[in-house]
Structures are given as structure tokens and as C-alpha cells.
PDB file of N, CA and C in Angstrom:
ATOM      1  N   MET A   1      17.044  -8.641  30.502  1.00  0.00           N
ATOM      2  CA  MET A   1      16.104  -8.024  30.201  1.00  0.00           C
ATOM      3  C   MET A   1      15.261  -8.583  29.024  1.00  0.00           C
ATOM      4  N   GLN A   2      14.017  -8.615  28.985  1.00  0.00           N
ATOM      5  CA  GLN A   2      13.108  -9.344  28.072  1.00  0.00           C
ATOM      6  C   GLN A   2      12.744  -8.462  27.057  1.00  0.00           C
ATOM      7  N   LYS A   3      12.772  -8.769  25.660  1.00  0.00           N
ATOM      8  CA  LYS A   3      12.324  -7.926  24.691  1.00  0.00           C
ATOM      9  C   LYS A   3      10.738  -8.353  24.650  1.00  0.00           C
ATOM     10  N   SER A   4      10.034  -6.968  24.475  1.00  0.00           N
ATOM     11  CA  SER A   4       8.674  -7.261  24.328  1.00  0.00           C
ATOM     12  C   SER A   4       8.220  -7.499  22.601  1.00  0.00           C
ATOM     13  N   LEU A   5       7.438  -8.452  22.592  1.00  0.00           N
ATOM     14  CA  LEU A   5       7.102  -8.871  21.054  1.00  0.00           C
ATOM     15  C   LEU A   5       5.790  -7.949  20.821  1.00  0.00           C
ATOM     16  N   ASP A   6       5.840  -7.284  19.725  1.00  0.00           N
ATOM     17  CA  ASP A   6       4.739  -6.515  19.083  1.00  0.00           C
ATOM     18  C   ASP A   6       3.644  -7.701  18.488  1.00  0.00           C
ATOM     19  N   THR A   7       2.883  -7.867  19.073  1.00  0.00           N
ATOM     20  CA  THR A   7       1.640  -8.785  18.480  1.00  0.00           C
ATOM     21  C   THR A   7       0.391  -7.991  17.932  1.00  0.00           C
ATOM     22  N   SER A   8       0.618  -6.736  17.978  1.00  0.00           N
ATOM     23  CA  SER A   8      -0.675  -6.308  17.119  1.00  0.00           C
ATOM     24  C   SER A   8      -0.737  -6.633  15.855  1.00  0.00           C
ATOM     25  N   PRO A   9      -1.758  -6.814  15.199  1.00  0.00           N
ATOM     26  CA  PRO A   9      -1.938  -7.298  13.966  1.00  0.00           C
ATOM     27  C   PRO A   9      -1.651  -6.164  12.798  1.00  0.00           C
ATOM     28  N   GLN A  10      -1.251  -6.448  11.700  1.00  0.00           N
ATOM     29  CA  GLN A  10      -1.129  -5.673  10.377  1.00  0.00           C
ATOM     30  C   GLN A  10      -2.376  -5.271   9.807  1.00  0.00           C
ATOM     31  N   PRO A  11      -2.567  -4.056   9.810  1.00  0.00           N
ATOM     32  CA  PRO A  11      -3.807  -3.377   9.159  1.00  0.00           C
ATOM     33  C   PRO A  11      -4.194  -4.045   7.931  1.00  0.00           C
ATOM     34  N   LEU A  12      -5.240  -4.586   7.551  1.00  0.00           N
ATOM     35  CA  LEU A  12      -5.711  -5.032   6.167  1.00  0.00           C
ATOM     36  C   LEU A  12      -5.760  -3.794   5.177  1.00  0.00           C
ATOM     37  N   LEU A  13      -6.024  -2.650   5.653  1.00  0.00           N
ATOM     38  CA  LEU A  13      -6.357  -1.656   4.775  1.00  0.00           C
ATOM     39  C   LEU A  13      -5.283  -0.454   5.294  1.00  0.00           C
ATOM     40  N   LEU A  14      -4.647   0.033   4.458  1.00  0.00           N
ATOM     41  CA  LEU A  14      -3.825   1.297   4.770  1.00  0.00           C
ATOM     42  C   LEU A  14      -4.439   2.663   4.341  1.00  0.00           C
ATOM     43  N   ASN A  15      -4.054   3.473   4.894  1.00  0.00           N
ATOM     44  CA  ASN A  15      -4.531   5.100   4.443  1.00  0.00           C
ATOM     45  C   ASN A  15      -3.474   5.630   3.637  1.00  0.00           C
ATOM     46  N   MET A  16      -3.873   6.708   2.995  1.00  0.00           N
ATOM     47  CA  MET A  16      -2.744   7.277   2.243  1.00  0.00           C
ATOM     48  C   MET A  16      -1.368   7.488   2.909  1.00  0.00           C
ATOM     49  N   LYS A  17      -1.557   8.033   4.389  1.00  0.00           N
ATOM     50  CA  LYS A  17      -0.373   8.508   5.109  1.00  0.00           C
ATOM     51  C   LYS A  17       0.581   7.033   5.093  1.00  0.00           C
ATOM     52  N   GLN A  18      -0.143   6.042   5.391  1.00  0.00           N
ATOM     53  CA  GLN A  18       0.711   4.827   5.657  1.00  0.00           C
ATOM     54  C   GLN A  18       1.209   4.372   4.313  1.00  0.00           C
ATOM     55  N   VAL A  19       0.490   4.331   3.170  1.00  0.00           N
ATOM     56  CA  VAL A  19       0.951   3.825   1.925  1.00  0.00           C
ATOM     57  C   VAL A  19       2.193   4.705   1.534  1.00  0.00           C
ATOM     58  N   SER A  20       2.030   6.002   1.920  1.00  0.00           N
ATOM     59  CA  SER A  20       3.318   7.031   1.459  1.00  0.00           C
ATOM     60  C   SER A  20       4.428   6.315   2.321  1.00  0.00           C
ATOM     61  N   LEU A  21       4.354   5.986   3.434  1.00  0.00           N
ATOM     62  CA  LEU A  21       5.667   5.527   4.322  1.00  0.00           C
ATOM     63  C   LEU A  21       5.993   4.411   4.034  1.00  0.00           C
ATOM     64  N   VAL A  22       5.062   3.377   3.530  1.00  0.00           N
ATOM     65  CA  VAL A  22       5.434   1.900   3.062  1.00  0.00           C
ATOM     66  C   VAL A  22       6.267   2.174   1.656  1.00  0.00           C
ATOM     67  N   LEU A  23       5.827   2.957   1.124  1.00  0.00           N
ATOM     68  CA  LEU A  23       6.368   2.694  -0.455  1.00  0.00           C
ATOM     69  C   LEU A  23       7.349   3.950  -0.394  1.00  0.00           C
ATOM     70  N   ASN A  24       7.519   4.909   0.473  1.00  0.00           N
ATOM     71  CA  ASN A  24       8.408   5.997   0.511  1.00  0.00           C
ATOM     72  C   ASN A  24       8.263   6.802  -0.666  1.00  0.00           C
ATOM     73  N   LEU A  25       7.041   7.135  -0.856  1.00  0.00           N
ATOM     74  CA  LEU A  25       6.691   7.986  -2.169  1.00  0.00           C
ATOM     75  C   LEU A  25       5.558   9.210  -1.657  1.00  0.00           C
ATOM     76  N   GLY A  26       5.583  10.085  -2.480  1.00  0.00           N
ATOM     77  CA  GLY A  26       4.984  11.226  -1.987  1.00  0.00           C
ATOM     78  C   GLY A  26       3.438  10.837  -2.440  1.00  0.00           C
ATOM     79  N   LYS A  27       2.421  11.712  -1.801  1.00  0.00           N
ATOM     80  CA  LYS A  27       1.034  11.843  -2.414  1.00  0.00           C
ATOM     81  C   LYS A  27       0.906  11.729  -3.716  1.00  0.00           C
ATOM     82  N   SER A  28       1.327  12.712  -4.606  1.00  0.00           N
ATOM     83  CA  SER A  28       1.381  13.067  -5.708  1.00  0.00           C
ATOM     84  C   SER A  28       1.576  11.933  -6.704  1.00  0.00           C
ATOM     85  N   LYS A  29       2.729  11.135  -6.348  1.00  0.00           N
ATOM     86  CA  LYS A  29       3.233   9.903  -6.993  1.00  0.00           C
ATOM     87  C   LYS A  29       2.299   8.700  -6.666  1.00  0.00           C
ATOM     88  N   ILE A  30       1.901   8.708  -5.614  1.00  0.00           N
ATOM     89  CA  ILE A  30       0.645   7.629  -5.370  1.00  0.00           C
ATOM     90  C   ILE A  30      -0.632   7.529  -6.132  1.00  0.00           C
ATOM     91  N   TYR A  31      -0.849   9.352  -6.214  1.00  0.00           N
ATOM     92  CA  TYR A  31      -2.171   9.324  -7.109  1.00  0.00           C
ATOM     93  C   TYR A  31      -1.872   9.024  -8.647  1.00  0.00           C
ATOM     94  N   ASP A  32      -0.699   9.057  -9.147  1.00  0.00           N
ATOM     95  CA  ASP A  32      -0.025   9.039 -10.435  1.00  0.00           C
ATOM     96  C   ASP A  32      -0.067   7.456 -10.728  1.00  0.00           C
ATOM     97  N   LEU A  33       0.365   6.786  -9.554  1.00  0.00           N
ATOM     98  CA  LEU A  33       0.417   5.355  -9.663  1.00  0.00           C
ATOM     99  C   LEU A  33      -0.919   4.748  -9.878  1.00  0.00           C
ATOM    100  N   MET A  34      -1.776   5.267  -8.998  1.00  0.00           N
ATOM    101  CA  MET A  34      -3.120   4.853  -9.000  1.00  0.00           C
ATOM    102  C   MET A  34      -3.743   4.872 -10.376  1.00  0.00           C
ATOM    103  N   GLU A  35      -3.599   6.284 -10.948  1.00  0.00           N
ATOM    104  CA  GLU A  35      -4.459   6.306 -12.373  1.00  0.00           C
ATOM    105  C   GLU A  35      -3.501   5.724 -13.442  1.00  0.00           C
ATOM    106  N   ASN A  36      -2.237   5.755 -13.296  1.00  0.00           N
ATOM    107  CA  ASN A  36      -1.562   5.148 -14.673  1.00  0.00           C
ATOM    108  C   ASN A  36      -0.834   3.643 -14.591  1.00  0.00           C
ATOM    109  N   GLU A  37      -0.717   3.269 -13.326  1.00  0.00           N
ATOM    110  CA  GLU A  37       0.072   2.087 -13.029  1.00  0.00           C
ATOM    111  C   GLU A  37      -0.846   1.121 -12.416  1.00  0.00           C
ATOM    112  N   GLY A  38      -2.073   1.245 -12.232  1.00  0.00           N
ATOM    113  CA  GLY A  38      -2.865   0.087 -11.643  1.00  0.00           C
ATOM    114  C   GLY A  38      -2.375  -0.210  -9.866  1.00  0.00           C
ATOM    115  N   LEU A  39      -2.209   1.017  -9.242  1.00  0.00           N
ATOM    116  CA  LEU A  39      -1.811   0.913  -7.651  1.00  0.00           C
ATOM    117  C   LEU A  39      -3.103   0.507  -7.269  1.00  0.00           C
ATOM    118  N   PRO A  40      -3.487  -0.900  -6.474  1.00  0.00           N
ATOM    119  CA  PRO A  40      -4.521  -1.101  -6.018  1.00  0.00           C
ATOM    120  C   PRO A  40      -5.117  -0.116  -4.752  1.00  0.00           C
ATOM    121  N   TYR A  41      -6.557   0.057  -4.799  1.00  0.00           N
ATOM    122  CA  TYR A  41      -7.034   0.902  -3.884  1.00  0.00           C
ATOM    123  C   TYR A  41      -8.521   0.595  -3.941  1.00  0.00           C
ATOM    124  N   THR A  42      -9.146   1.058  -3.005  1.00  0.00           N
ATOM    125  CA  THR A  42     -10.612   0.734  -2.629  1.00  0.00           C
ATOM    126  C   THR A  42     -11.307   2.213  -2.090  1.00  0.00           C
ATOM    127  N   LYS A  43     -12.297   2.669  -2.322  1.00  0.00           N
ATOM    128  CA  LYS A  43     -12.999   3.701  -1.903  1.00  0.00           C
ATOM    129  C   LYS A  43     -13.842   3.316  -0.852  1.00  0.00           C
ATOM    130  N   LEU A  44     -13.994   3.838   0.415  1.00  0.00           N
ATOM    131  CA  LEU A  44     -14.832   3.477   1.587  1.00  0.00           C
ATOM    132  C   LEU A  44     -15.596   4.988   1.821  1.00  0.00           C
ATOM    133  N   GLY A  45     -16.497   4.978   1.462  1.00  0.00           N
ATOM    134  CA  GLY A  45     -17.287   6.364   1.386  1.00  0.00           C
ATOM    135  C   GLY A  45     -16.303   7.396   0.521  1.00  0.00           C
ATOM    136  N   LYS A  46     -15.668   8.602   1.187  1.00  0.00           N
ATOM    137  CA  LYS A  46     -14.911   9.453   0.530  1.00  0.00           C
ATOM    138  C   LYS A  46     -13.399   9.185   0.900  1.00  0.00           C
ATOM    139  N   SER A  47     -13.389   7.931   1.431  1.00  0.00           N
ATOM    140  CA  SER A  47     -11.978   7.637   2.101  1.00  0.00           C
ATOM    141  C   SER A  47     -11.050   6.746   1.067  1.00  0.00           C
ATOM    142  N   LEU A  48     -10.192   6.792   0.688  1.00  0.00           N
ATOM    143  CA  LEU A  48      -9.033   5.790  -0.068  1.00  0.00           C
ATOM    144  C   LEU A  48      -8.526   5.017   0.836  1.00  0.00           C
ATOM    145  N   ARG A  49      -8.500   3.794   0.645  1.00  0.00           N
ATOM    146  CA  ARG A  49      -7.953   2.567   1.345  1.00  0.00           C
ATOM    147  C   ARG A  49      -7.087   1.814   0.343  1.00  0.00           C
ATOM    148  N   PHE A  50      -6.099   1.157   1.019  1.00  0.00           N
ATOM    149  CA  PHE A  50      -5.191   0.322   0.149  1.00  0.00           C
ATOM    150  C   PHE A  50      -4.957  -0.943   0.753  1.00  0.00           C
ATOM    151  N   PRO A  51      -5.443  -1.962   0.032  1.00  0.00           N
ATOM    152  CA  PRO A  51      -5.509  -3.322   0.722  1.00  0.00           C
ATOM    153  C   PRO A  51      -3.875  -3.737   0.719  1.00  0.00           C
ATOM    154  N   TYR A  52      -3.565  -4.033   1.921  1.00  0.00           N
ATOM    155  CA  TYR A  52      -2.063  -4.323   2.091  1.00  0.00           C
ATOM    156  C   TYR A  52      -1.534  -5.388   1.233  1.00  0.00           C
ATOM    157  N   ARG A  53      -2.267  -6.554   1.338  1.00  0.00           N
ATOM    158  CA  ARG A  53      -1.815  -7.663   0.411  1.00  0.00           C
ATOM    159  C   ARG A  53      -1.995  -7.405  -1.001  1.00  0.00           C
ATOM    160  N   SER A  54      -2.782  -6.746  -1.523  1.00  0.00           N
ATOM    161  CA  SER A  54      -2.873  -6.268  -2.824  1.00  0.00           C
ATOM    162  C   SER A  54      -1.738  -5.416  -3.226  1.00  0.00           C
ATOM    163  N   LEU A  55      -1.041  -4.698  -2.418  1.00  0.00           N
ATOM    164  CA  LEU A  55       0.226  -3.732  -2.555  1.00  0.00           C
ATOM    165  C   LEU A  55       1.252  -4.592  -2.739  1.00  0.00           C
ATOM    166  N   GLN A  56       1.265  -5.602  -1.752  1.00  0.00           N
ATOM    167  CA  GLN A  56       2.507  -6.583  -1.802  1.00  0.00           C
ATOM    168  C   GLN A  56       2.323  -7.168  -3.251  1.00  0.00           C
ATOM    169  N   GLU A  57       1.434  -7.920  -3.590  1.00  0.00           N
ATOM    170  CA  GLU A  57       1.221  -8.353  -4.700  1.00  0.00           C
ATOM    171  C   GLU A  57       1.524  -7.540  -5.965  1.00  0.00           C
ATOM    172  N   TRP A  58       1.047  -6.389  -5.869  1.00  0.00           N
ATOM    173  CA  TRP A  58       1.360  -5.218  -7.033  1.00  0.00           C
ATOM    174  C   TRP A  58       2.780  -5.182  -7.403  1.00  0.00           C
ATOM    175  N   ILE A  59       3.537  -4.991  -5.949  1.00  0.00           N
ATOM    176  CA  ILE A  59       4.916  -4.714  -6.071  1.00  0.00           C
ATOM    177  C   ILE A  59       5.678  -5.916  -6.487  1.00  0.00           C
ATOM    178  N   GLU A  60       5.234  -7.079  -6.169  1.00  0.00           N
ATOM    179  CA  GLU A  60       6.025  -8.431  -6.527  1.00  0.00           C
ATOM    180  C   GLU A  60       5.783  -8.413  -8.403  1.00  0.00           C
ATOM    181  N   ARG A  61       4.693  -8.113  -8.785  1.00  0.00           N
ATOM    182  CA  ARG A  61       4.527  -8.228 -10.035  1.00  0.00           C
ATOM    183  C   ARG A  61       5.331  -7.387 -10.934  1.00  0.00           C
ATOM    184  N   ARG A  62       5.281  -6.049 -10.269  1.00  0.00           N
ATOM    185  CA  ARG A  62       6.558  -4.986 -10.930  1.00  0.00           C
ATOM    186  C   ARG A  62       7.801  -5.493 -10.782  1.00  0.00           C
ATOM    187  N   MET A  63       8.077  -6.043 -10.008  1.00  0.00           N
ATOM    188  CA  MET A  63       9.512  -6.460  -9.775  1.00  0.00           C
ATOM    189  C   MET A  63      10.069  -7.840 -10.866  1.00  0.00           C
ATOM    190  N   GLN A  64       8.746  -8.471 -11.109  1.00  0.00           N
ATOM    191  CA  GLN A  64       9.133  -9.513 -12.156  1.00  0.00           C
ATOM    192  C   GLN A  64       9.005  -9.043 -13.411  1.00  0.00           C
ATOM    193  N   GLY A  65       8.525  -7.782 -13.735  1.00  0.00           N
ATOM    194  CA  GLY A  65       8.668  -7.123 -14.983  1.00  0.00           C
ATOM    195  C   GLY A  65       7.144  -7.455 -15.490  1.00  0.00           C
ATOM    196  N   ASP A  66       6.234  -8.024 -14.856  1.00  0.00           N
ATOM    197  CA  ASP A  66       4.874  -8.136 -15.312  1.00  0.00           C
ATOM    198  C   ASP A  66       3.977  -6.977 -15.026  1.00  0.00           C
ATOM    199  N   VAL A  67       4.373  -5.742 -15.719  1.00  0.00           N
ATOM    200  CA  VAL A  67       3.440  -4.398 -15.304  1.00  0.00           C
ATOM    201  C   VAL A  67       2.101  -4.492 -16.060  1.00  0.00           C
ATOM    202  N   ALA A  68       0.845  -4.863 -15.320  1.00  0.00           N
ATOM    203  CA  ALA A  68      -0.259  -5.076 -16.110  1.00  0.00           C
ATOM    204  C   ALA A  68      -1.291  -4.082 -15.053  1.00  0.00           C
TER     205      ALA A  68
END
């Protein structure tokens, strides 16, 4: 049996639900991190979006102890 390869691209921008799943955090904690810890996000109209690559970099900085 052949395994099917998922060739769908990773989204560049994540919505709140996706970020919640990726970070395994609730909405309230995500808002707290946005306001107090510099969690990267952008607004598109009234929608919040989280750049996937920026989230990865933000996590890496926090893991290295360089919280800015």
C-alpha cells in the first residue's frame, strides 16, 4: 500500500483557532501573550492573524532565554 504525501503548503498566516492548537493554549492566554510578551500578530481589517514564521522565531527566542 502506498502512503499518500501531504503536499499542501503550510499557511503563512494562522488564525486564532490555529494558533491555539499549535501553541496548545487558550484564547485568553494568547491575548495575554500578545499584550505582555510580544507574541507576533497582524491585523487584517478586524481579523487577527499570526505569521507562522514569526511565531516559530518568537518561540525560539523564548527558549534561548532572550525574551524581548
